[in-house]
PDB file of all heavy atoms in Angstrom:
ATOM      1  N   HIS A   1       2.535   1.382  -3.525  1.00  0.00           N
ATOM      2  CA  HIS A   1       3.829   1.630  -4.154  1.00  0.00           C
ATOM      3  C   HIS A   1       3.691   1.467  -5.654  1.00  0.00           C
ATOM      4  O   HIS A   1       2.942   0.618  -6.146  1.00  0.00           O
ATOM      5  CB  HIS A   1       4.869   0.645  -3.626  1.00  0.00           C
ATOM      6  CG  HIS A   1       5.286   0.898  -2.216  1.00  0.00           C
ATOM      7  ND1 HIS A   1       6.065   1.989  -1.853  1.00  0.00           N
ATOM      8  CD2 HIS A   1       5.052   0.218  -1.066  1.00  0.00           C
ATOM      9  CE1 HIS A   1       6.285   1.954  -0.546  1.00  0.00           C
ATOM     10  NE2 HIS A   1       5.691   0.887  -0.052  1.00  0.00           N
ATOM     11  N   SER A   2       4.433   2.255  -6.393  1.00  0.00           N
ATOM     12  CA  SER A   2       4.426   2.142  -7.838  1.00  0.00           C
ATOM     13  C   SER A   2       5.340   1.001  -8.283  1.00  0.00           C
ATOM     14  O   SER A   2       6.325   0.678  -7.620  1.00  0.00           O
ATOM     15  CB  SER A   2       4.921   3.447  -8.459  1.00  0.00           C
ATOM     16  OG  SER A   2       4.894   3.380  -9.872  1.00  0.00           O
ATOM     17  N   GLY A   3       4.981   0.388  -9.396  1.00  0.00           N
ATOM     18  CA  GLY A   3       5.824  -0.651  -9.965  1.00  0.00           C
ATOM     19  C   GLY A   3       5.786  -1.950  -9.198  1.00  0.00           C
ATOM     20  O   GLY A   3       4.871  -2.210  -8.415  1.00  0.00           O
ATOM     21  N   PRO A   4       6.814  -2.802  -9.367  1.00  0.00           N
ATOM     22  CA  PRO A   4       6.826  -4.125  -8.739  1.00  0.00           C
ATOM     23  C   PRO A   4       6.689  -4.090  -7.222  1.00  0.00           C
ATOM     24  O   PRO A   4       6.134  -5.003  -6.623  1.00  0.00           O
ATOM     25  CB  PRO A   4       8.199  -4.692  -9.165  1.00  0.00           C
ATOM     26  CG  PRO A   4       8.540  -3.970 -10.426  1.00  0.00           C
ATOM     27  CD  PRO A   4       7.972  -2.594 -10.260  1.00  0.00           C
ATOM     28  N   LYS A   5       7.232  -3.041  -6.575  1.00  0.00           N
ATOM     29  CA  LYS A   5       7.148  -2.942  -5.120  1.00  0.00           C
ATOM     30  C   LYS A   5       5.700  -2.879  -4.638  1.00  0.00           C
ATOM     31  O   LYS A   5       5.378  -3.239  -3.505  1.00  0.00           O
ATOM     32  CB  LYS A   5       7.910  -1.699  -4.634  1.00  0.00           C
ATOM     33  CG  LYS A   5       8.088  -1.633  -3.128  1.00  0.00           C
ATOM     34  CD  LYS A   5       8.769  -0.341  -2.698  1.00  0.00           C
ATOM     35  CE  LYS A   5      10.223  -0.319  -3.083  1.00  0.00           C
ATOM     36  NZ  LYS A   5      10.921   0.883  -2.536  1.00  0.00           N
ATOM     37  N   GLY A   6       4.807  -2.431  -5.501  1.00  0.00           N
ATOM     38  CA  GLY A   6       3.404  -2.300  -5.132  1.00  0.00           C
ATOM     39  C   GLY A   6       2.570  -3.547  -5.356  1.00  0.00           C
ATOM     40  O   GLY A   6       1.350  -3.506  -5.190  1.00  0.00           O
ATOM     41  N   TRP A   7       3.225  -4.642  -5.714  1.00  0.00           N
ATOM     42  CA  TRP A   7       2.503  -5.892  -5.968  1.00  0.00           C
ATOM     43  C   TRP A   7       3.047  -6.998  -5.067  1.00  0.00           C
ATOM     44  O   TRP A   7       4.255  -7.178  -4.943  1.00  0.00           O
ATOM     45  CB  TRP A   7       2.643  -6.307  -7.430  1.00  0.00           C
ATOM     46  CG  TRP A   7       1.895  -5.401  -8.353  1.00  0.00           C
ATOM     47  CD1 TRP A   7       2.349  -4.256  -8.942  1.00  0.00           C
ATOM     48  CD2 TRP A   7       0.550  -5.528  -8.765  1.00  0.00           C
ATOM     49  NE1 TRP A   7       1.373  -3.677  -9.696  1.00  0.00           N
ATOM     50  CE2 TRP A   7       0.247  -4.447  -9.613  1.00  0.00           C
ATOM     51  CE3 TRP A   7      -0.457  -6.487  -8.526  1.00  0.00           C
ATOM     52  CZ2 TRP A   7      -1.003  -4.260 -10.197  1.00  0.00           C
ATOM     53  CZ3 TRP A   7      -1.700  -6.313  -9.106  1.00  0.00           C
ATOM     54  CH2 TRP A   7      -1.961  -5.206  -9.937  1.00  0.00           C
ATOM     55  N   HIS A   8       2.135  -7.757  -4.472  1.00  0.00           N
ATOM     56  CA  HIS A   8       2.516  -8.919  -3.649  1.00  0.00           C
ATOM     57  C   HIS A   8       2.451 -10.150  -4.553  1.00  0.00           C
ATOM     58  O   HIS A   8       1.370 -10.623  -4.891  1.00  0.00           O
ATOM     59  CB  HIS A   8       1.561  -9.058  -2.472  1.00  0.00           C
ATOM     60  CG  HIS A   8       2.083  -9.928  -1.379  1.00  0.00           C
ATOM     61  ND1 HIS A   8       2.436 -11.246  -1.566  1.00  0.00           N
ATOM     62  CD2 HIS A   8       2.304  -9.673  -0.053  1.00  0.00           C
ATOM     63  CE1 HIS A   8       2.864 -11.763  -0.435  1.00  0.00           C
ATOM     64  NE2 HIS A   8       2.806 -10.824   0.499  1.00  0.00           N
ATOM     65  N   SER A   9       3.598 -10.673  -4.930  1.00  0.00           N
ATOM     66  CA  SER A   9       3.645 -11.738  -5.921  1.00  0.00           C
ATOM     67  C   SER A   9       2.996 -13.025  -5.416  1.00  0.00           C
ATOM     68  O   SER A   9       2.365 -13.759  -6.191  1.00  0.00           O
ATOM     69  CB  SER A   9       5.097 -12.028  -6.312  1.00  0.00           C
ATOM     70  OG  SER A   9       5.873 -12.379  -5.165  1.00  0.00           O
ATOM     71  N   ALA A  10       3.101 -13.293  -4.118  1.00  0.00           N
ATOM     72  CA  ALA A  10       2.544 -14.540  -3.576  1.00  0.00           C
ATOM     73  C   ALA A  10       1.033 -14.463  -3.399  1.00  0.00           C
ATOM     74  O   ALA A  10       0.343 -15.473  -3.510  1.00  0.00           O
ATOM     75  CB  ALA A  10       3.215 -14.879  -2.244  1.00  0.00           C
ATOM     76  N   TRP A  11       0.535 -13.280  -3.116  1.00  0.00           N
ATOM     77  CA  TRP A  11      -0.904 -13.126  -2.849  1.00  0.00           C
ATOM     78  C   TRP A  11      -1.657 -12.501  -4.013  1.00  0.00           C
ATOM     79  O   TRP A  11      -2.877 -12.365  -3.951  1.00  0.00           O
ATOM     80  CB  TRP A  11      -1.098 -12.274  -1.589  1.00  0.00           C
ATOM     81  CG  TRP A  11      -0.584 -12.905  -0.336  1.00  0.00           C
ATOM     82  CD1 TRP A  11      -0.221 -14.214  -0.163  1.00  0.00           C
ATOM     83  CD2 TRP A  11      -0.374 -12.258   0.929  1.00  0.00           C
ATOM     84  NE1 TRP A  11       0.195 -14.425   1.113  1.00  0.00           N
ATOM     85  CE2 TRP A  11       0.114 -13.245   1.818  1.00  0.00           C
ATOM     86  CE3 TRP A  11      -0.551 -10.969   1.401  1.00  0.00           C
ATOM     87  CZ2 TRP A  11       0.436 -12.974   3.141  1.00  0.00           C
ATOM     88  CZ3 TRP A  11      -0.239 -10.679   2.728  1.00  0.00           C
ATOM     89  CH2 TRP A  11       0.236 -11.676   3.586  1.00  0.00           C
ATOM     90  N   ASP A  12      -0.940 -12.069  -5.061  1.00  0.00           N
ATOM     91  CA  ASP A  12      -1.552 -11.451  -6.234  1.00  0.00           C
ATOM     92  C   ASP A  12      -2.423 -10.257  -5.832  1.00  0.00           C
ATOM     93  O   ASP A  12      -3.596 -10.158  -6.196  1.00  0.00           O
ATOM     94  CB  ASP A  12      -2.380 -12.485  -7.018  1.00  0.00           C
ATOM     95  CG  ASP A  12      -2.719 -12.001  -8.428  1.00  0.00           C
ATOM     96  OD1 ASP A  12      -1.968 -11.160  -8.954  1.00  0.00           O
ATOM     97  OD2 ASP A  12      -3.741 -12.448  -8.990  1.00  0.00           O
ATOM     98  N   SER A  13      -1.827  -9.365  -5.058  1.00  0.00           N
ATOM     99  CA  SER A  13      -2.574  -8.231  -4.521  1.00  0.00           C
ATOM    100  C   SER A  13      -1.678  -7.006  -4.450  1.00  0.00           C
ATOM    101  O   SER A  13      -0.492  -7.055  -4.799  1.00  0.00           O
ATOM    102  CB  SER A  13      -3.123  -8.596  -3.133  1.00  0.00           C
ATOM    103  OG  SER A  13      -2.072  -9.032  -2.288  1.00  0.00           O
ATOM    104  N   ARG A  14      -2.229  -5.883  -4.005  1.00  0.00           N
ATOM    105  CA  ARG A  14      -1.511  -4.605  -3.967  1.00  0.00           C
ATOM    106  C   ARG A  14      -0.948  -4.323  -2.586  1.00  0.00           C
ATOM    107  O   ARG A  14      -1.579  -4.655  -1.570  1.00  0.00           O
ATOM    108  CB  ARG A  14      -2.444  -3.462  -4.384  1.00  0.00           C
ATOM    109  CG  ARG A  14      -3.057  -3.569  -5.777  1.00  0.00           C
ATOM    110  CD  ARG A  14      -2.011  -3.676  -6.887  1.00  0.00           C
ATOM    111  NE  ARG A  14      -0.928  -2.725  -6.781  1.00  0.00           N
ATOM    112  CZ  ARG A  14      -0.940  -1.494  -7.288  1.00  0.00           C
ATOM    113  NH1 ARG A  14      -2.013  -1.058  -7.938  1.00  0.00           N
ATOM    114  NH2 ARG A  14       0.103  -0.704  -7.157  1.00  0.00           N
ATOM    115  N   CYS A  15       0.214  -3.659  -2.530  1.00  0.00           N
ATOM    116  CA  CYS A  15       0.895  -3.353  -1.282  1.00  0.00           C
ATOM    117  C   CYS A  15       0.843  -1.855  -1.008  1.00  0.00           C
ATOM    118  O   CYS A  15       1.297  -1.054  -1.850  1.00  0.00           O
ATOM    119  CB  CYS A  15       2.350  -3.822  -1.337  1.00  0.00           C
ATOM    120  SG  CYS A  15       2.543  -5.597  -1.590  1.00  0.00           S
ATOM    121  N   PHE A  16       0.342  -1.472   0.150  1.00  0.00           N
ATOM    122  CA  PHE A  16       0.189  -0.064   0.518  1.00  0.00           C
ATOM    123  C   PHE A  16       1.551   0.635   0.661  1.00  0.00           C
ATOM    124  O   PHE A  16       2.542   0.030   1.073  1.00  0.00           O
ATOM    125  CB  PHE A  16      -0.564   0.063   1.850  1.00  0.00           C
ATOM    126  CG  PHE A  16      -2.031  -0.210   1.745  1.00  0.00           C
ATOM    127  CD1 PHE A  16      -2.569  -1.398   2.226  1.00  0.00           C
ATOM    128  CD2 PHE A  16      -2.891   0.725   1.191  1.00  0.00           C
ATOM    129  CE1 PHE A  16      -3.926  -1.641   2.166  1.00  0.00           C
ATOM    130  CE2 PHE A  16      -4.254   0.495   1.107  1.00  0.00           C
ATOM    131  CZ  PHE A  16      -4.774  -0.706   1.597  1.00  0.00           C
ATOM    132  N   ASP A  17       1.541   1.924   0.353  1.00  0.00           N
ATOM    133  CA  ASP A  17       2.684   2.789   0.622  1.00  0.00           C
ATOM    134  C   ASP A  17       2.436   3.476   1.960  1.00  0.00           C
ATOM    135  O   ASP A  17       1.731   4.493   2.030  1.00  0.00           O
ATOM    136  CB  ASP A  17       2.843   3.823  -0.496  1.00  0.00           C
ATOM    137  CG  ASP A  17       4.054   4.735  -0.289  1.00  0.00           C
ATOM    138  OD1 ASP A  17       4.668   4.689   0.802  1.00  0.00           O
ATOM    139  OD2 ASP A  17       4.386   5.492  -1.209  1.00  0.00           O
ATOM    140  N   TYR A  18       3.015   2.909   3.023  1.00  0.00           N
ATOM    141  CA  TYR A  18       2.740   3.395   4.381  1.00  0.00           C
ATOM    142  C   TYR A  18       3.458   4.721   4.682  1.00  0.00           C
ATOM    143  O   TYR A  18       3.256   5.275   5.764  1.00  0.00           O
ATOM    144  CB  TYR A  18       3.153   2.347   5.402  1.00  0.00           C
ATOM    145  CG  TYR A  18       2.444   1.022   5.211  1.00  0.00           C
ATOM    146  CD1 TYR A  18       3.115  -0.061   4.641  1.00  0.00           C
ATOM    147  CD2 TYR A  18       1.118   0.853   5.578  1.00  0.00           C
ATOM    148  CE1 TYR A  18       2.472  -1.277   4.445  1.00  0.00           C
ATOM    149  CE2 TYR A  18       0.481  -0.353   5.380  1.00  0.00           C
ATOM    150  CZ  TYR A  18       1.156  -1.407   4.815  1.00  0.00           C
ATOM    151  OH  TYR A  18       0.506  -2.617   4.612  1.00  0.00           O
ATOM    152  N   GLY A  19       4.245   5.196   3.748  1.00  0.00           N
ATOM    153  CA  GLY A  19       4.930   6.464   3.962  1.00  0.00           C
ATOM    154  C   GLY A  19       4.121   7.675   3.544  1.00  0.00           C
ATOM    155  O   GLY A  19       4.455   8.815   3.907  1.00  0.00           O
ATOM    156  N   LYS A  20       3.036   7.487   2.788  1.00  0.00           N
ATOM    157  CA  LYS A  20       2.229   8.599   2.289  1.00  0.00           C
ATOM    158  C   LYS A  20       1.227   9.042   3.346  1.00  0.00           C
ATOM    159  O   LYS A  20       0.506   8.227   3.920  1.00  0.00           O
ATOM    160  CB  LYS A  20       1.496   8.205   1.005  1.00  0.00           C
ATOM    161  CG  LYS A  20       2.421   7.923  -0.164  1.00  0.00           C
ATOM    162  CD  LYS A  20       1.660   7.619  -1.436  1.00  0.00           C
ATOM    163  CE  LYS A  20       0.997   8.852  -2.032  1.00  0.00           C
ATOM    164  NZ  LYS A  20       0.438   8.599  -3.376  1.00  0.00           N
ATOM    165  N   THR A  21       1.144  10.334   3.560  1.00  0.00           N
ATOM    166  CA  THR A  21       0.259  10.878   4.590  1.00  0.00           C
ATOM    167  C   THR A  21      -1.199  10.507   4.342  1.00  0.00           C
ATOM    168  O   THR A  21      -1.923  10.130   5.278  1.00  0.00           O
ATOM    169  CB  THR A  21       0.407  12.409   4.661  1.00  0.00           C
ATOM    170  OG1 THR A  21       1.737  12.726   5.078  1.00  0.00           O
ATOM    171  CG2 THR A  21      -0.583  13.019   5.656  1.00  0.00           C
ATOM    172  N   ASP A  22      -1.659  10.599   3.085  1.00  0.00           N
ATOM    173  CA  ASP A  22      -3.060  10.293   2.820  1.00  0.00           C
ATOM    174  C   ASP A  22      -3.374   8.817   2.992  1.00  0.00           C
ATOM    175  O   ASP A  22      -4.501   8.454   3.335  1.00  0.00           O
ATOM    176  CB  ASP A  22      -3.435  10.750   1.398  1.00  0.00           C
ATOM    177  CG  ASP A  22      -3.510  12.268   1.289  1.00  0.00           C
ATOM    178  OD1 ASP A  22      -4.488  12.846   1.831  1.00  0.00           O
ATOM    179  OD2 ASP A  22      -2.606  12.874   0.710  1.00  0.00           O
ATOM    180  N   VAL A  23      -2.391   7.959   2.778  1.00  0.00           N
ATOM    181  CA  VAL A  23      -2.590   6.522   3.033  1.00  0.00           C
ATOM    182  C   VAL A  23      -2.668   6.278   4.528  1.00  0.00           C
ATOM    183  O   VAL A  23      -3.516   5.495   5.002  1.00  0.00           O
ATOM    184  CB  VAL A  23      -1.455   5.700   2.384  1.00  0.00           C
ATOM    185  CG1 VAL A  23      -1.562   4.224   2.781  1.00  0.00           C
ATOM    186  CG2 VAL A  23      -1.494   5.848   0.876  1.00  0.00           C
ATOM    187  N   LEU A  24      -1.814   6.938   5.295  1.00  0.00           N
ATOM    188  CA  LEU A  24      -1.915   6.841   6.757  1.00  0.00           C
ATOM    189  C   LEU A  24      -3.269   7.338   7.246  1.00  0.00           C
ATOM    190  O   LEU A  24      -3.883   6.750   8.134  1.00  0.00           O
ATOM    191  CB  LEU A  24      -0.789   7.654   7.412  1.00  0.00           C
ATOM    192  CG  LEU A  24       0.627   7.083   7.323  1.00  0.00           C
ATOM    193  CD1 LEU A  24       1.599   8.022   8.019  1.00  0.00           C
ATOM    194  CD2 LEU A  24       0.691   5.707   7.931  1.00  0.00           C
ATOM    195  N   HIS A  25      -3.742   8.428   6.650  1.00  0.00           N
ATOM    196  CA  HIS A  25      -5.043   8.976   7.033  1.00  0.00           C
ATOM    197  C   HIS A  25      -6.143   7.939   6.792  1.00  0.00           C
ATOM    198  O   HIS A  25      -7.030   7.738   7.642  1.00  0.00           O
ATOM    199  CB  HIS A  25      -5.316  10.255   6.239  1.00  0.00           C
ATOM    200  CG  HIS A  25      -6.241  11.207   6.910  1.00  0.00           C
ATOM    201  ND1 HIS A  25      -6.890  12.227   6.253  1.00  0.00           N
ATOM    202  CD2 HIS A  25      -6.641  11.300   8.198  1.00  0.00           C
ATOM    203  CE1 HIS A  25      -7.624  12.899   7.103  1.00  0.00           C
ATOM    204  NE2 HIS A  25      -7.504  12.369   8.290  1.00  0.00           N
ATOM    205  N   PHE A  26      -6.073   7.276   5.662  1.00  0.00           N
ATOM    206  CA  PHE A  26      -7.054   6.254   5.301  1.00  0.00           C
ATOM    207  C   PHE A  26      -7.019   5.065   6.266  1.00  0.00           C
ATOM    208  O   PHE A  26      -8.039   4.652   6.821  1.00  0.00           O
ATOM    209  CB  PHE A  26      -6.775   5.786   3.857  1.00  0.00           C
ATOM    210  CG  PHE A  26      -7.703   4.726   3.346  1.00  0.00           C
ATOM    211  CD1 PHE A  26      -8.942   5.066   2.800  1.00  0.00           C
ATOM    212  CD2 PHE A  26      -7.341   3.384   3.381  1.00  0.00           C
ATOM    213  CE1 PHE A  26      -9.793   4.085   2.310  1.00  0.00           C
ATOM    214  CE2 PHE A  26      -8.180   2.404   2.895  1.00  0.00           C
ATOM    215  CZ  PHE A  26      -9.410   2.747   2.357  1.00  0.00           C
ATOM    216  N   LEU A  27      -5.828   4.523   6.483  1.00  0.00           N
ATOM    217  CA  LEU A  27      -5.694   3.307   7.279  1.00  0.00           C
ATOM    218  C   LEU A  27      -5.903   3.562   8.771  1.00  0.00           C
ATOM    219  O   LEU A  27      -6.562   2.765   9.459  1.00  0.00           O
ATOM    220  CB  LEU A  27      -4.323   2.668   7.032  1.00  0.00           C
ATOM    221  CG  LEU A  27      -4.102   2.108   5.627  1.00  0.00           C
ATOM    222  CD1 LEU A  27      -2.677   1.612   5.476  1.00  0.00           C
ATOM    223  CD2 LEU A  27      -5.088   0.993   5.301  1.00  0.00           C
ATOM    224  N   LEU A  28      -5.347   4.646   9.299  1.00  0.00           N
ATOM    225  CA  LEU A  28      -5.530   4.949  10.720  1.00  0.00           C
ATOM    226  C   LEU A  28      -6.993   5.273  11.022  1.00  0.00           C
ATOM    227  O   LEU A  28      -7.518   4.900  12.073  1.00  0.00           O
ATOM    228  CB  LEU A  28      -4.618   6.094  11.149  1.00  0.00           C
ATOM    229  CG  LEU A  28      -3.124   5.786  11.153  1.00  0.00           C
ATOM    230  CD1 LEU A  28      -2.320   7.039  11.475  1.00  0.00           C
ATOM    231  CD2 LEU A  28      -2.790   4.675  12.148  1.00  0.00           C
ATOM    232  N   SER A  29      -7.649   5.940  10.090  1.00  0.00           N
ATOM    233  CA  SER A  29      -9.087   6.214  10.264  1.00  0.00           C
ATOM    234  C   SER A  29      -9.880   4.934  10.218  1.00  0.00           C
ATOM    235  O   SER A  29     -10.885   4.777  10.910  1.00  0.00           O
ATOM    236  CB  SER A  29      -9.570   7.183   9.180  1.00  0.00           C
ATOM    237  OG  SER A  29      -8.894   8.410   9.252  1.00  0.00           O
ATOM    238  N   ASN A  30      -9.430   3.983   9.405  1.00  0.00           N
ATOM    239  CA  ASN A  30     -10.077   2.684   9.347  1.00  0.00           C
ATOM    240  C   ASN A  30      -9.974   1.955  10.691  1.00  0.00           C
ATOM    241  O   ASN A  30     -10.931   1.308  11.134  1.00  0.00           O
ATOM    242  CB  ASN A  30      -9.474   1.845   8.236  1.00  0.00           C
ATOM    243  CG  ASN A  30     -10.314   0.663   7.841  1.00  0.00           C
ATOM    244  OD1 ASN A  30      -9.855  -0.477   7.878  1.00  0.00           O
ATOM    245  ND2 ASN A  30     -11.565   0.904   7.484  1.00  0.00           N
TER     246      ASN A  30
END
């Protein structure tokens, strides 16, 4: 996700955008 929504404040890490087809392709293939 772009902006603050894409950051996990407690874990200091990035949050996936599960609505994007290419992200689903990446994660489901994983």
